[in-house]
Amino acid sequence: MTAPHNPSDPAFSMEAALWLVSRELRPLDARESWRRGVTATLMVGLHFDVVHLPAGIVERGIDGVTDRDAIHNHFRTAGITSAVIVSRTQTRYSLLVPPGTSQVWREPGVQCIGIDHPINYLGVPVPTRREPPGAYWLMPAPEDDRMLCDPVNIRLLIGKARARRGQTG
């Protein structure tokens, strides 16, 4: 069981927490989950859509060791500096992108979910959780629309992995 999160902790990102739930129908449910230190379920398509990148695609684009620092640097090098969640099983990265991205997303093998998807919810960890166990933020939680991932940068990251796959057979 995860220890409860204390919103009075100076590290708690009140701006991110408020922004993430500001369009939710039941924002208090999410806040209560985070207060208890557990993942909240938020609706996709209101503030953000989500691109689910399998860990294999991300790690394939990295030369050498694929530890957490290398993965973090790989995202930063691609211009992705916030809004990235690592799944509980560490097999998927969920990148929050502007709403409507799912309407134009056409990357084979990479799912983008928006408001029209039949399962349009995402488990979102406490905005300051930066370590496992459980899902956590590899890159900081967004505090506003400007901190969402640019789909162009995600495509660059995917392209790098595809190019490396072509080099290695």
Protein backbone atom coordinates (compact mmCIF):
# COMPACT_ATOMS: atom_id res chain seq x y z
CA MET A 1 0.00 0.00 0.00
CA THR A 2 1.30 3.42 -0.94
CA ALA A 3 1.61 6.05 1.77
CA PRO A 4 -0.99 8.84 1.54
CA HIS A 5 0.16 11.89 -0.35
CA ASN A 6 0.18 15.11 1.59
CA PRO A 7 -1.02 18.04 -0.56
CA SER A 8 0.64 20.43 1.95
CA ASP A 9 4.03 18.93 0.94
CA PRO A 10 5.89 21.70 -0.95
CA ALA A 11 6.73 19.20 -3.72
CA PHE A 12 3.04 18.66 -4.47
CA SER A 13 2.17 20.30 -7.77
CA MET A 14 -1.12 21.97 -6.96
CA GLU A 15 -1.19 23.54 -10.43
CA ALA A 16 -0.88 20.15 -12.14
CA ALA A 17 -3.46 18.56 -9.86
CA LEU A 18 -5.94 21.38 -10.44
CA TRP A 19 -5.38 21.47 -14.19
CA LEU A 20 -5.67 17.70 -14.64
CA VAL A 21 -9.07 17.53 -12.92
CA SER A 22 -10.50 20.92 -13.93
CA ARG A 23 -12.74 19.44 -16.66
CA GLU A 24 -13.63 16.22 -14.84
CA LEU A 25 -17.26 15.61 -13.92
CA ARG A 26 -16.16 14.37 -10.47
CA PRO A 27 -12.87 16.13 -9.67
CA LEU A 28 -13.13 15.38 -5.97
CA ASP A 29 -12.90 11.64 -6.69
CA ALA A 30 -9.53 12.12 -8.39
CA ARG A 31 -8.26 14.41 -5.66
CA GLU A 32 -9.29 11.89 -3.00
CA SER A 33 -7.44 9.11 -4.84
CA TRP A 34 -4.31 11.24 -5.03
CA ARG A 35 -4.64 12.24 -1.38
CA ARG A 36 -4.53 8.53 -0.55
CA GLY A 37 -1.52 8.11 -2.85
CA VAL A 38 -3.27 6.01 -5.49
CA THR A 39 -3.87 6.41 -9.22
CA ALA A 40 -6.93 8.41 -10.26
CA THR A 41 -9.03 7.60 -13.32
CA LEU A 42 -9.43 10.62 -15.61
CA MET A 43 -11.42 10.96 -18.81
CA VAL A 44 -9.36 11.29 -21.98
CA GLY A 45 -10.39 13.85 -24.59
CA LEU A 46 -11.38 16.69 -22.26
CA HIS A 47 -7.97 18.24 -21.53
CA PHE A 48 -5.83 15.78 -23.40
CA ASP A 49 -5.73 12.73 -25.64
CA VAL A 50 -3.17 10.04 -24.88
CA VAL A 51 -0.63 8.25 -27.07
CA HIS A 52 0.36 4.83 -25.72
CA LEU A 53 3.91 3.97 -26.74
CA PRO A 54 5.01 0.38 -26.08
CA ALA A 55 8.28 0.34 -24.11
CA GLY A 56 9.94 -1.64 -26.92
CA ILE A 57 9.49 1.23 -29.37
CA VAL A 58 10.99 3.75 -26.95
CA GLU A 59 13.91 1.53 -25.94
CA ARG A 60 14.69 0.51 -29.54
CA GLY A 61 15.58 4.14 -30.29
CA ILE A 62 18.30 4.26 -27.61
CA ASP A 63 21.96 3.38 -28.18
CA GLY A 64 23.44 1.37 -25.32
CA VAL A 65 21.91 0.79 -21.90
CA THR A 66 18.17 1.46 -21.60
CA ASP A 67 18.03 2.44 -17.94
CA ARG A 68 15.73 5.11 -16.59
CA ASP A 69 18.22 7.96 -17.15
CA ALA A 70 18.77 6.92 -20.77
CA ILE A 71 15.01 6.76 -21.38
CA HIS A 72 14.51 10.16 -19.72
CA ASN A 73 17.26 11.67 -21.89
CA HIS A 74 15.83 9.99 -25.00
CA PHE A 75 12.49 11.75 -24.46
CA ARG A 76 14.19 15.08 -23.72
CA THR A 77 16.33 14.81 -26.86
CA ALA A 78 13.13 14.35 -28.86
CA GLY A 79 11.74 17.56 -27.33
CA ILE A 80 9.39 15.77 -24.91
CA THR A 81 9.91 17.42 -21.53
CA SER A 82 6.65 16.80 -19.66
CA ALA A 83 3.39 14.84 -19.57
CA VAL A 84 4.79 11.27 -19.78
CA ILE A 85 3.48 8.49 -17.53
CA VAL A 86 5.17 5.10 -17.10
CA SER A 87 2.67 2.25 -16.67
CA ARG A 88 2.52 0.21 -13.48
CA THR A 89 4.12 -2.72 -15.34
CA GLN A 90 6.70 -0.44 -17.01
CA THR A 91 5.75 -1.83 -20.42
CA ARG A 92 4.10 1.30 -21.80
CA TYR A 93 4.56 5.06 -21.82
CA SER A 94 1.45 7.23 -21.94
CA LEU A 95 2.08 10.64 -23.43
CA LEU A 96 -0.55 13.31 -22.92
CA VAL A 97 -1.16 15.22 -26.15
CA PRO A 98 -3.59 17.98 -27.16
CA PRO A 99 -7.25 16.97 -27.43
CA GLY A 100 -8.22 16.04 -30.97
CA THR A 101 -4.86 14.39 -31.75
CA SER A 102 -6.56 11.00 -31.94
CA GLN A 103 -8.62 12.24 -34.91
CA VAL A 104 -5.50 12.60 -37.08
CA TRP A 105 -3.14 10.02 -35.52
CA ARG A 106 -1.99 7.45 -38.08
CA GLU A 107 1.09 5.70 -36.66
CA PRO A 108 0.97 1.91 -37.13
CA GLY A 109 1.44 0.00 -33.88
CA VAL A 110 0.96 3.10 -31.72
CA GLN A 111 -2.47 3.77 -30.26
CA CYS A 112 -3.85 7.25 -29.64
CA ILE A 113 -7.02 7.51 -27.58
CA GLY A 114 -9.40 10.44 -27.55
CA ILE A 115 -12.94 11.23 -26.48
CA ASP A 116 -14.47 8.98 -29.16
CA HIS A 117 -12.62 5.83 -28.08
CA PRO A 118 -14.85 3.23 -26.35
CA ILE A 119 -12.46 3.14 -23.38
CA ASN A 120 -11.50 6.77 -22.94
CA TYR A 121 -10.12 6.74 -19.40
CA LEU A 122 -6.55 6.82 -18.17
CA GLY A 123 -5.05 5.88 -14.82
CA VAL A 124 -3.16 9.00 -13.73
CA PRO A 125 -0.71 8.81 -10.82
CA VAL A 126 -0.37 11.50 -8.15
CA PRO A 127 1.09 14.51 -10.02
CA THR A 128 4.35 14.31 -8.06
CA ARG A 129 4.91 10.53 -8.13
CA ARG A 130 8.26 10.20 -9.90
CA GLU A 131 9.21 6.66 -8.83
CA PRO A 132 7.71 3.16 -8.84
CA PRO A 133 6.04 1.14 -7.41
CA GLY A 134 2.98 1.67 -9.54
CA ALA A 135 2.50 4.09 -12.40
CA TYR A 136 4.58 7.27 -12.15
CA TRP A 137 5.48 10.41 -14.09
CA LEU A 138 8.73 10.00 -16.04
CA MET A 139 8.39 13.64 -17.08
CA PRO A 140 6.52 16.20 -14.93
CA ALA A 141 2.73 16.29 -14.89
CA PRO A 142 1.37 19.14 -17.05
CA GLU A 143 0.16 22.29 -15.36
CA ASP A 144 -1.48 23.70 -18.49
CA ASP A 145 -2.07 23.01 -22.20
CA ARG A 146 1.41 24.25 -23.14
CA MET A 147 3.00 21.35 -21.25
CA LEU A 148 1.31 18.63 -23.33
CA CYS A 149 3.51 16.57 -25.67
CA ASP A 150 3.79 17.74 -29.26
CA PRO A 151 2.68 14.88 -31.56
CA VAL A 152 5.42 15.89 -34.04
CA ASN A 153 8.06 15.11 -31.41
CA ILE A 154 6.43 11.76 -30.65
CA ARG A 155 6.56 10.88 -34.35
CA LEU A 156 10.27 11.77 -34.37
CA LEU A 157 10.84 9.42 -31.43
CA ILE A 158 8.94 6.63 -33.23
CA GLY A 159 10.83 7.31 -36.46
CA LYS A 160 14.17 6.98 -34.69
CA ALA A 161 13.13 3.58 -33.31
CA ARG A 162 11.97 2.43 -36.75
CA ALA A 163 15.22 3.56 -38.34
CA ARG A 164 17.26 1.65 -35.74
CA ARG A 165 15.13 -1.44 -36.27
CA GLY A 166 15.95 -1.21 -39.97
CA GLN A 167 19.69 -0.99 -39.17
CA THR A 168 19.64 -4.01 -36.85
CA GLY A 169 17.47 -6.18 -39.08
